[in-house]
């Protein structure tokens, strides 16, 4: 079957098609099915959290390149891939922590700081309370006691501290965690905040473990841990980019982008699915690729799947610094990150900066009654639009509102998503790009 038969139909044609071609009413369900297939695949165990263990990024890139080929995108790079390398700290082996012989559950009860150095063994623990962090003489005494031991920082109930005291305490905690001059073996930070993980491009001097578990700090006397890390100076990664050449103005470009990387694995047994962040965004750009490959626009469409967003926007930064096109020829760029829900609509970063374009997309949404709300935000360097914006490219960063609150944890899986406004979001994006 020709894939064009299952492509999106802009909202302004829906009424006519519903009268004359009843079968077209099945198109939204088919689009949701395709989106679901993409998200389910990329967030599955076989893709290893789309990170830096078990070739999770490479497996994910191969899948997306296969979809680019299905939609007949022209490669912007050889094999669609813009290659570069980056440093990254990985945890490919054992990651376990026990307090007083009680094993802790990964992610729900503990996370290893992504910059942690590996270490195995059993170590005595010296405890310091959050209020003691504000007493320099006491800190120095505890550090002497904790030489070659683990320092446990009890930072529970910190929200009740005076704001200035809390900020000062957090600064001191950062020093205790990462200062290479300290003689402590490692740091345990006890918190009542939700635990979430990240990616680090550096490796610290010692292991650091954040813990959110019911523990009696007065009784804690030792920690047993096995943390295997591997720091890689030049890990190979790649952005993925394809082109749909415009029929009238091919040297003018509209970009849709989403990052495909996620957090990967914290040890050999624990992977982060990343369904909403950002397999859902990849599903958006692949649906757009499907549509525009069958409805060729006047100008060219570029679809980009960025790597290493979670490591500090490294993929989009590399693209902007090594562009395959003249950045001045970009009409507009839309970055999609966190697109798996939408019950409350979308938020547009840079909406208050590019007011004319924001008003245009708001009016399109009002006309088709697609999304319940479109909120405007100011500029923020919080996703892959950032370096384009700094380079003078007009752009939006769009994310959905409502639904799951899972973020950088194990609960961000396919079953947590509703995709309730996915089709409507894609319709609005198509109409917006067609309006230029």
Protein backbone atom coordinates (compact mmCIF):
# COMPACT_ATOMS: atom_id res chain seq x y z
CA UNK A 1 0.00 0.00 0.00
CA UNK A 2 1.22 3.53 -0.78
CA UNK A 3 2.01 5.21 2.55
CA UNK A 4 0.45 8.44 1.20
CA UNK A 5 -2.97 6.88 1.64
CA UNK A 6 -2.51 7.06 5.41
CA UNK A 7 -1.15 10.59 5.62
CA UNK A 8 -2.59 13.58 7.44
CA UNK A 9 -5.29 15.71 5.85
CA UNK A 10 -5.29 19.40 6.85
CA UNK A 11 -8.34 20.40 8.87
CA UNK A 12 -9.73 22.78 6.24
CA UNK A 13 -10.35 19.78 3.94
CA UNK A 14 -11.94 17.50 6.54
CA UNK A 15 -15.55 18.48 5.93
CA UNK A 16 -15.36 17.91 2.16
CA UNK A 17 -13.66 14.56 2.59
CA UNK A 18 -16.11 13.42 5.23
CA UNK A 19 -18.97 14.01 2.77
CA UNK A 20 -17.46 12.53 -0.38
CA UNK A 21 -14.91 10.00 0.91
CA UNK A 22 -16.16 8.38 4.13
CA UNK A 23 -13.05 6.17 4.41
CA UNK A 24 -10.97 9.25 5.18
CA UNK A 25 -12.53 9.40 8.63
CA UNK A 26 -10.18 6.56 9.59
CA UNK A 27 -7.04 8.63 8.95
CA UNK A 28 -6.62 10.03 12.49
CA UNK A 29 -6.78 6.55 14.02
CA UNK A 30 -4.19 5.33 11.55
CA UNK A 31 -1.93 8.27 12.42
CA UNK A 32 -2.27 7.50 16.11
CA UNK A 33 -1.42 3.88 15.37
CA UNK A 34 1.77 4.96 13.61
CA UNK A 35 2.68 7.31 16.46
CA UNK A 36 2.04 4.55 18.98
CA UNK A 37 4.22 2.15 17.03
CA UNK A 38 7.10 4.63 17.01
CA UNK A 39 6.85 5.51 20.70
CA UNK A 40 6.35 1.91 21.81
CA UNK A 41 9.38 0.82 19.78
CA UNK A 42 11.78 3.56 20.85
CA UNK A 43 10.84 3.26 24.54
CA UNK A 44 11.15 -0.55 24.61
CA UNK A 45 13.87 -2.47 26.42
CA UNK A 46 15.53 -3.37 23.11
CA UNK A 47 16.47 0.28 22.65
CA UNK A 48 18.18 0.50 26.05
CA UNK A 49 16.86 3.95 26.93
CA UNK A 50 18.37 5.43 23.74
CA UNK A 51 21.60 6.15 25.53
CA UNK A 52 25.23 5.17 25.83
CA UNK A 53 25.06 1.56 27.02
CA UNK A 54 24.47 -1.42 24.70
CA UNK A 55 24.53 0.90 21.67
CA UNK A 56 21.14 2.29 22.58
CA UNK A 57 21.70 5.46 20.55
CA UNK A 58 22.97 3.60 17.49
CA UNK A 59 20.03 1.17 17.49
CA UNK A 60 17.61 4.09 17.79
CA UNK A 61 19.32 6.01 14.99
CA UNK A 62 19.09 2.99 12.70
CA UNK A 63 15.35 2.72 13.33
CA UNK A 64 14.73 6.42 12.60
CA UNK A 65 16.87 6.31 9.45
CA UNK A 66 14.75 3.39 8.30
CA UNK A 67 11.62 5.52 8.75
CA UNK A 68 13.25 8.43 6.88
CA UNK A 69 13.88 6.08 3.98
CA UNK A 70 10.28 4.82 4.04
CA UNK A 71 9.11 8.41 3.60
CA UNK A 72 11.61 9.01 0.78
CA UNK A 73 13.42 11.85 2.53
CA UNK A 74 16.53 13.08 0.80
CA UNK A 75 19.53 12.74 3.14
CA UNK A 76 21.15 15.99 4.27
CA UNK A 77 24.22 13.97 5.24
CA UNK A 78 25.68 10.69 4.07
CA UNK A 79 23.18 8.08 5.24
CA UNK A 80 21.23 10.91 6.93
CA UNK A 81 23.87 10.94 9.71
CA UNK A 82 25.90 13.94 10.91
CA UNK A 83 28.65 12.27 12.94
CA UNK A 84 30.62 13.68 15.86
CA UNK A 85 31.92 12.48 19.22
CA UNK A 86 31.33 13.55 22.81
CA UNK A 87 32.54 12.62 26.30
CA UNK A 88 30.10 10.69 28.48
CA UNK A 89 30.11 8.86 31.80
CA UNK A 90 28.35 5.50 31.56
CA UNK A 91 27.23 2.72 33.91
CA UNK A 92 27.25 -0.51 31.92
CA UNK A 93 27.68 -2.99 34.77
CA UNK A 94 26.57 -3.48 38.35
CA UNK A 95 24.86 -0.65 40.21
CA UNK A 96 23.61 -1.58 43.68
CA UNK A 97 23.42 0.13 47.08
CA UNK A 98 22.62 -1.32 50.52
CA UNK A 99 22.30 0.59 53.78
CA UNK A 100 22.88 -1.49 56.92
CA UNK A 101 22.45 -4.60 54.75
CA UNK A 102 19.10 -3.37 53.40
CA UNK A 103 19.18 -3.33 49.56
CA UNK A 104 17.69 -0.18 48.01
CA UNK A 105 15.58 -0.18 44.87
CA UNK A 106 17.18 1.62 41.92
CA UNK A 107 15.52 4.92 40.91
CA UNK A 108 12.59 4.62 43.33
CA UNK A 109 14.89 4.60 46.41
CA UNK A 110 18.29 5.61 45.06
CA UNK A 111 20.05 7.01 42.04
CA UNK A 112 23.75 7.21 41.36
CA UNK A 113 24.85 10.69 40.38
CA UNK A 114 25.49 10.50 36.61
CA UNK A 115 28.97 11.96 37.15
CA UNK A 116 29.89 9.34 39.75
CA UNK A 117 33.13 7.43 39.72
CA UNK A 118 32.78 3.69 40.19
CA UNK A 119 33.55 2.05 43.52
CA UNK A 120 32.80 -1.28 45.22
CA UNK A 121 33.01 -2.27 48.86
CA UNK A 122 31.58 -1.74 52.33
CA UNK A 123 32.29 1.57 54.06
CA UNK A 124 31.56 3.19 57.45
CA UNK A 125 29.20 6.19 57.35
CA UNK A 126 29.50 9.56 59.09
CA UNK A 127 26.26 11.58 59.17
CA UNK A 128 25.90 15.35 58.91
CA UNK A 129 22.54 17.12 59.27
CA UNK A 130 21.33 19.94 57.01
CA UNK A 131 21.62 22.49 59.82
CA UNK A 132 25.20 21.39 60.56
CA UNK A 133 26.09 22.33 56.98
CA UNK A 134 25.89 25.97 58.05
CA UNK A 135 28.59 25.52 60.72
CA UNK A 136 32.08 25.56 59.11
CA UNK A 137 33.94 24.23 62.15
CA UNK A 138 31.53 21.32 62.48
CA UNK A 139 31.82 20.53 58.75
CA UNK A 140 35.61 20.37 59.03
CA UNK A 141 35.36 18.07 62.03
CA UNK A 142 32.94 15.75 60.22
CA UNK A 143 35.19 15.70 57.16
CA UNK A 144 38.14 14.61 59.29
CA UNK A 145 35.98 11.86 60.78
CA UNK A 146 34.80 10.81 57.31
CA UNK A 147 38.29 10.38 55.82
CA UNK A 148 38.15 7.28 53.55
CA UNK A 149 34.55 6.80 54.69
CA UNK A 150 31.18 7.86 53.27
CA UNK A 151 29.63 11.14 54.34
CA UNK A 152 25.85 10.92 54.65
CA UNK A 153 24.14 14.30 54.26
CA UNK A 154 20.65 14.33 55.76
CA UNK A 155 18.87 16.96 53.67
CA UNK A 156 15.30 15.88 54.38
CA UNK A 157 12.65 18.54 55.07
CA UNK A 158 14.90 21.17 53.51
CA UNK A 159 11.89 23.05 52.15
CA UNK A 160 11.32 24.36 55.66
CA UNK A 161 14.69 26.10 55.79
CA UNK A 162 15.17 29.81 55.30
CA UNK A 163 15.73 30.39 51.57
CA UNK A 164 19.19 31.92 51.99
CA UNK A 165 20.26 29.16 54.38
CA UNK A 166 18.97 26.53 51.96
CA UNK A 167 20.85 28.04 49.02
CA UNK A 168 24.03 28.20 51.08
CA UNK A 169 23.58 24.60 52.21
CA UNK A 170 23.10 23.46 48.59
CA UNK A 171 26.33 25.22 47.59
CA UNK A 172 28.16 23.42 50.38
CA UNK A 173 26.65 20.09 49.34
CA UNK A 174 27.97 20.60 45.80
CA UNK A 175 31.45 21.16 47.23
CA UNK A 176 31.20 18.03 49.38
CA UNK A 177 30.10 15.98 46.38
CA UNK A 178 32.61 17.12 43.80
CA UNK A 179 35.64 18.80 45.39
CA UNK A 180 38.57 16.55 44.38
CA UNK A 181 40.63 17.77 47.34
CA UNK A 182 38.44 16.12 49.95
CA UNK A 183 39.56 12.76 51.37
CA UNK A 184 36.12 11.20 51.76
CA UNK A 185 35.38 7.98 49.84
CA UNK A 186 31.93 9.03 48.72
CA UNK A 187 28.74 10.93 49.52
CA UNK A 188 25.22 9.77 50.32
CA UNK A 189 22.57 12.48 50.10
CA UNK A 190 19.32 11.71 51.88
CA UNK A 191 16.39 13.62 50.37
CA UNK A 192 12.59 13.63 50.33
CA UNK A 193 12.48 14.94 46.77
CA UNK A 194 11.54 12.81 43.76
CA UNK A 195 14.56 11.08 42.29
CA UNK A 196 15.35 11.67 38.62
CA UNK A 197 18.38 10.89 36.51
CA UNK A 198 20.44 12.63 33.86
CA UNK A 199 23.50 12.30 31.62
CA UNK A 200 26.97 13.57 32.51
CA UNK A 201 29.86 14.46 30.21
CA UNK A 202 32.32 14.46 33.12
CA UNK A 203 33.44 11.95 35.74
CA UNK A 204 33.78 13.12 39.33
CA UNK A 205 36.37 12.12 41.93
CA UNK A 206 34.06 9.93 43.99
CA UNK A 207 30.68 8.16 43.89
CA UNK A 208 27.64 10.16 44.92
CA UNK A 209 24.31 8.51 45.70
CA UNK A 210 20.98 10.27 46.26
CA UNK A 211 18.58 8.32 48.46
CA UNK A 212 14.85 8.69 49.02
CA UNK A 213 13.95 5.82 51.34
CA UNK A 214 12.56 5.36 54.82
CA UNK A 215 15.72 5.13 56.89
CA UNK A 216 16.54 5.91 60.49
CA UNK A 217 19.59 8.14 60.18
CA UNK A 218 20.53 7.51 63.80
CA UNK A 219 20.95 3.81 63.02
CA UNK A 220 22.91 4.07 59.75
CA UNK A 221 26.49 2.89 60.24
CA UNK A 222 27.63 1.42 56.93
CA UNK A 223 26.94 1.36 53.20
CA UNK A 224 27.70 -1.41 50.74
CA UNK A 225 27.81 -0.46 47.09
CA UNK A 226 28.81 -1.82 43.72
CA UNK A 227 29.01 0.89 41.10
CA UNK A 228 30.74 0.15 37.80
CA UNK A 229 31.32 3.16 35.58
CA UNK A 230 33.09 3.67 32.27
CA UNK A 231 34.05 7.15 31.18
CA UNK A 232 34.37 7.46 27.39
CA UNK A 233 36.22 10.49 26.02
CA UNK A 234 35.01 10.19 22.42
CA UNK A 235 31.68 8.42 22.22
CA UNK A 236 30.38 8.36 18.60
CA UNK A 237 26.96 9.99 18.13
CA UNK A 238 25.04 11.45 15.20
CA UNK A 239 22.25 13.85 14.32
CA UNK A 240 19.79 12.58 11.71
CA UNK A 241 18.40 14.88 9.04
CA UNK A 242 16.31 14.44 5.90
CA UNK A 243 14.87 16.83 3.34
CA UNK A 244 11.63 17.14 1.36
CA UNK A 245 12.57 19.48 -1.45
CA UNK A 246 10.08 22.26 -2.14
CA UNK A 247 8.52 22.46 -5.58
CA UNK A 248 8.75 26.26 -6.03
CA UNK A 249 11.28 27.67 -3.53
CA UNK A 250 13.60 24.75 -2.73
CA UNK A 251 16.34 26.92 -1.19
CA UNK A 252 14.02 28.21 1.55
CA UNK A 253 13.53 25.91 4.54
CA UNK A 254 11.08 25.14 7.33
CA UNK A 255 12.53 22.87 10.04
CA UNK A 256 10.74 20.44 12.34
CA UNK A 257 13.01 18.86 14.95
CA UNK A 258 12.96 16.61 18.00
CA UNK A 259 15.72 14.92 19.97
CA UNK A 260 15.78 11.13 19.89
CA UNK A 261 18.28 10.45 22.67
CA UNK A 262 17.28 9.78 26.26
CA UNK A 263 19.07 8.77 29.47
CA UNK A 264 20.08 5.22 28.62
CA UNK A 265 20.86 2.86 31.49
CA UNK A 266 21.89 3.18 35.12
CA UNK A 267 23.55 -0.22 35.32
CA UNK A 268 22.90 -3.38 33.37
CA UNK A 269 19.38 -3.91 34.75
CA UNK A 270 17.80 -0.44 34.82
CA UNK A 271 16.87 1.51 31.70
CA UNK A 272 14.87 4.71 31.27
CA UNK A 273 12.12 4.33 28.61
CA UNK A 274 11.75 8.02 27.67
CA UNK A 275 8.37 7.63 25.99
CA UNK A 276 7.25 11.22 26.48
CA UNK A 277 10.83 12.52 26.57
CA UNK A 278 11.20 12.35 23.65
CA UNK A 279 10.02 9.35 21.65
CA UNK A 280 6.77 11.32 21.38
CA UNK A 281 8.56 14.21 19.65
CA UNK A 282 10.17 11.78 17.20
CA UNK A 283 6.69 10.42 16.46
CA UNK A 284 5.57 13.96 15.59
CA UNK A 285 8.37 14.60 13.09
CA UNK A 286 7.94 11.16 11.49
CA UNK A 287 4.22 11.81 11.06
CA UNK A 288 5.10 15.15 9.50
CA UNK A 289 7.57 13.37 7.23
CA UNK A 290 4.78 11.03 6.16
CA UNK A 291 2.46 13.93 5.38
CA UNK A 292 4.87 16.23 3.56
CA UNK A 293 6.35 13.41 1.48
CA UNK A 294 2.89 13.09 -0.07
CA UNK A 295 1.92 16.79 -0.04
CA UNK A 296 5.01 18.55 -1.35
CA UNK A 297 5.11 22.18 -0.14
CA UNK A 298 6.33 25.17 -2.14
CA UNK A 299 9.46 25.48 0.02
CA UNK A 300 11.63 22.72 1.47
CA UNK A 301 10.94 20.88 4.72
CA UNK A 302 13.82 19.60 6.87
CA UNK A 303 13.19 16.94 9.52
CA UNK A 304 15.90 16.62 12.18
CA UNK A 305 16.30 14.08 14.99
CA UNK A 306 18.94 15.49 17.32
CA UNK A 307 21.23 13.45 19.50
CA UNK A 308 22.69 14.33 22.93
CA UNK A 309 20.01 16.80 24.00
CA UNK A 310 20.02 15.25 27.47
CA UNK A 311 23.79 15.75 27.66
CA UNK A 312 23.50 19.53 27.26
CA UNK A 313 21.98 20.22 23.82
CA UNK A 314 25.18 18.96 22.21
CA UNK A 315 23.57 17.64 19.04
CA UNK A 316 21.74 20.82 18.09
CA UNK A 317 24.79 22.89 19.03
CA UNK A 318 26.94 20.83 16.66
CA UNK A 319 24.35 21.14 13.88
CA UNK A 320 24.19 24.93 14.18
CA UNK A 321 28.00 25.18 14.26
CA UNK A 322 28.30 22.84 11.24
CA UNK A 323 25.14 23.52 9.22
CA UNK A 324 24.53 21.73 5.91
CA UNK A 325 22.48 24.73 4.75
CA UNK A 326 22.67 28.50 5.08
CA UNK A 327 20.95 29.25 8.40
CA UNK A 328 19.72 32.53 6.94
CA UNK A 329 17.57 30.54 4.52
CA UNK A 330 15.50 29.05 7.36
CA UNK A 331 11.99 30.54 7.36
CA UNK A 332 11.15 29.08 10.78
CA UNK A 333 12.15 26.22 13.06
CA UNK A 334 9.87 24.26 15.42
CA UNK A 335 11.38 22.02 18.07
CA UNK A 336 9.05 19.43 19.65
CA UNK A 337 9.91 17.93 23.02
CA UNK A 338 7.41 16.16 25.33
CA UNK A 339 4.43 15.68 22.99
CA UNK A 340 2.75 12.61 24.45
CA UNK A 341 -0.29 14.14 26.10
CA UNK A 342 -2.02 17.48 25.48
CA UNK A 343 -5.19 17.38 27.56
CA UNK A 344 -4.46 20.96 28.59
CA UNK A 345 -3.01 22.08 25.26
CA UNK A 346 0.53 23.21 24.48
CA UNK A 347 3.06 25.77 25.65
CA UNK A 348 5.22 27.66 23.17
CA UNK A 349 8.62 28.86 24.32
CA UNK A 350 9.53 32.02 22.38
CA UNK A 351 5.82 32.71 21.88
CA UNK A 352 6.22 36.15 23.41
CA UNK A 353 9.34 36.78 21.31
CA UNK A 354 7.86 35.97 17.90
CA UNK A 355 4.47 37.50 18.53
CA UNK A 356 3.26 37.55 14.93
CA UNK A 357 3.94 33.84 14.48
CA UNK A 358 2.41 33.05 17.87
CA UNK A 359 -0.76 34.92 16.93
CA UNK A 360 -0.84 33.04 13.62
CA UNK A 361 -0.65 29.60 15.27
CA UNK A 362 -3.19 30.65 17.88
CA UNK A 363 -5.66 31.69 15.17
CA UNK A 364 -5.11 28.45 13.26
CA UNK A 365 -5.88 26.50 16.42
CA UNK A 366 -8.96 28.59 17.10
CA UNK A 367 -10.24 27.96 13.57
CA UNK A 368 -9.86 24.19 13.75
CA UNK A 369 -10.72 23.89 17.47
CA UNK A 370 -7.84 21.46 17.81
CA UNK A 371 -6.10 22.15 21.12
CA UNK A 372 -7.75 23.38 24.32
CA UNK A 373 -5.13 26.07 24.92
CA UNK A 374 -1.90 27.52 23.52
CA UNK A 375 0.15 29.24 26.19
CA UNK A 376 2.98 31.64 25.41
CA UNK A 377 6.34 31.73 27.20
CA UNK A 378 9.39 33.90 26.77
CA UNK A 379 12.81 32.78 25.64
CA UNK A 380 14.47 29.87 27.44
CA UNK A 381 17.51 27.80 26.55
CA UNK A 382 15.86 24.56 27.66
CA UNK A 383 15.79 22.42 24.51
CA UNK A 384 17.20 22.10 21.00
CA UNK A 385 15.76 25.34 19.64
CA UNK A 386 18.25 27.28 21.79
CA UNK A 387 21.29 27.42 19.52
CA UNK A 388 19.16 28.16 16.46
CA UNK A 389 17.63 31.09 18.32
CA UNK A 390 21.06 32.35 19.35
CA UNK A 391 22.13 32.11 15.70
CA UNK A 392 19.25 34.37 14.67
CA UNK A 393 16.85 31.69 13.43
CA UNK A 394 13.20 32.41 14.37
CA UNK A 395 11.86 29.41 16.24
CA UNK A 396 9.41 27.90 18.72
CA UNK A 397 9.87 25.14 21.27
CA UNK A 398 6.53 23.36 21.74
CA UNK A 399 5.60 20.94 24.52
CA UNK A 400 2.23 19.54 25.57
CA UNK A 401 0.49 20.15 28.89
CA UNK A 402 -1.47 17.73 31.04
CA UNK A 403 -1.26 13.99 31.55
CA UNK A 404 1.67 12.19 33.12
CA UNK A 405 4.11 13.98 35.38
CA UNK A 406 6.74 11.28 34.85
CA UNK A 407 10.06 12.82 33.90
CA UNK A 408 13.56 11.32 33.82
CA UNK A 409 12.34 8.28 35.72
CA UNK A 410 11.12 4.74 35.10
CA UNK A 411 7.46 5.78 34.81
CA UNK A 412 7.95 7.65 31.53
CA UNK A 413 6.83 4.63 29.53
CA UNK A 414 4.39 4.11 26.69
CA UNK A 415 1.48 3.17 28.97
CA UNK A 416 1.73 6.50 30.81
CA UNK A 417 0.84 8.49 27.67
CA UNK A 418 -2.61 9.40 26.43
CA UNK A 419 -1.72 10.85 22.99
CA UNK A 420 -5.07 12.55 23.45
CA UNK A 421 -4.25 15.56 21.25
CA UNK A 422 -1.48 14.10 19.12
CA UNK A 423 -3.37 14.20 15.82
CA UNK A 424 -4.65 17.71 16.53
CA UNK A 425 -1.14 18.95 17.32
CA UNK A 426 0.19 17.62 14.03
CA UNK A 427 -2.71 19.27 12.16
CA UNK A 428 -1.88 22.62 13.72
CA UNK A 429 1.81 22.25 12.84
CA UNK A 430 0.96 21.42 9.22
CA UNK A 431 -1.38 24.40 8.89
CA UNK A 432 1.14 26.70 10.55
CA UNK A 433 3.96 25.72 8.19
CA UNK A 434 1.62 26.00 5.19
CA UNK A 435 0.77 29.57 6.21
CA UNK A 436 4.28 30.93 5.51
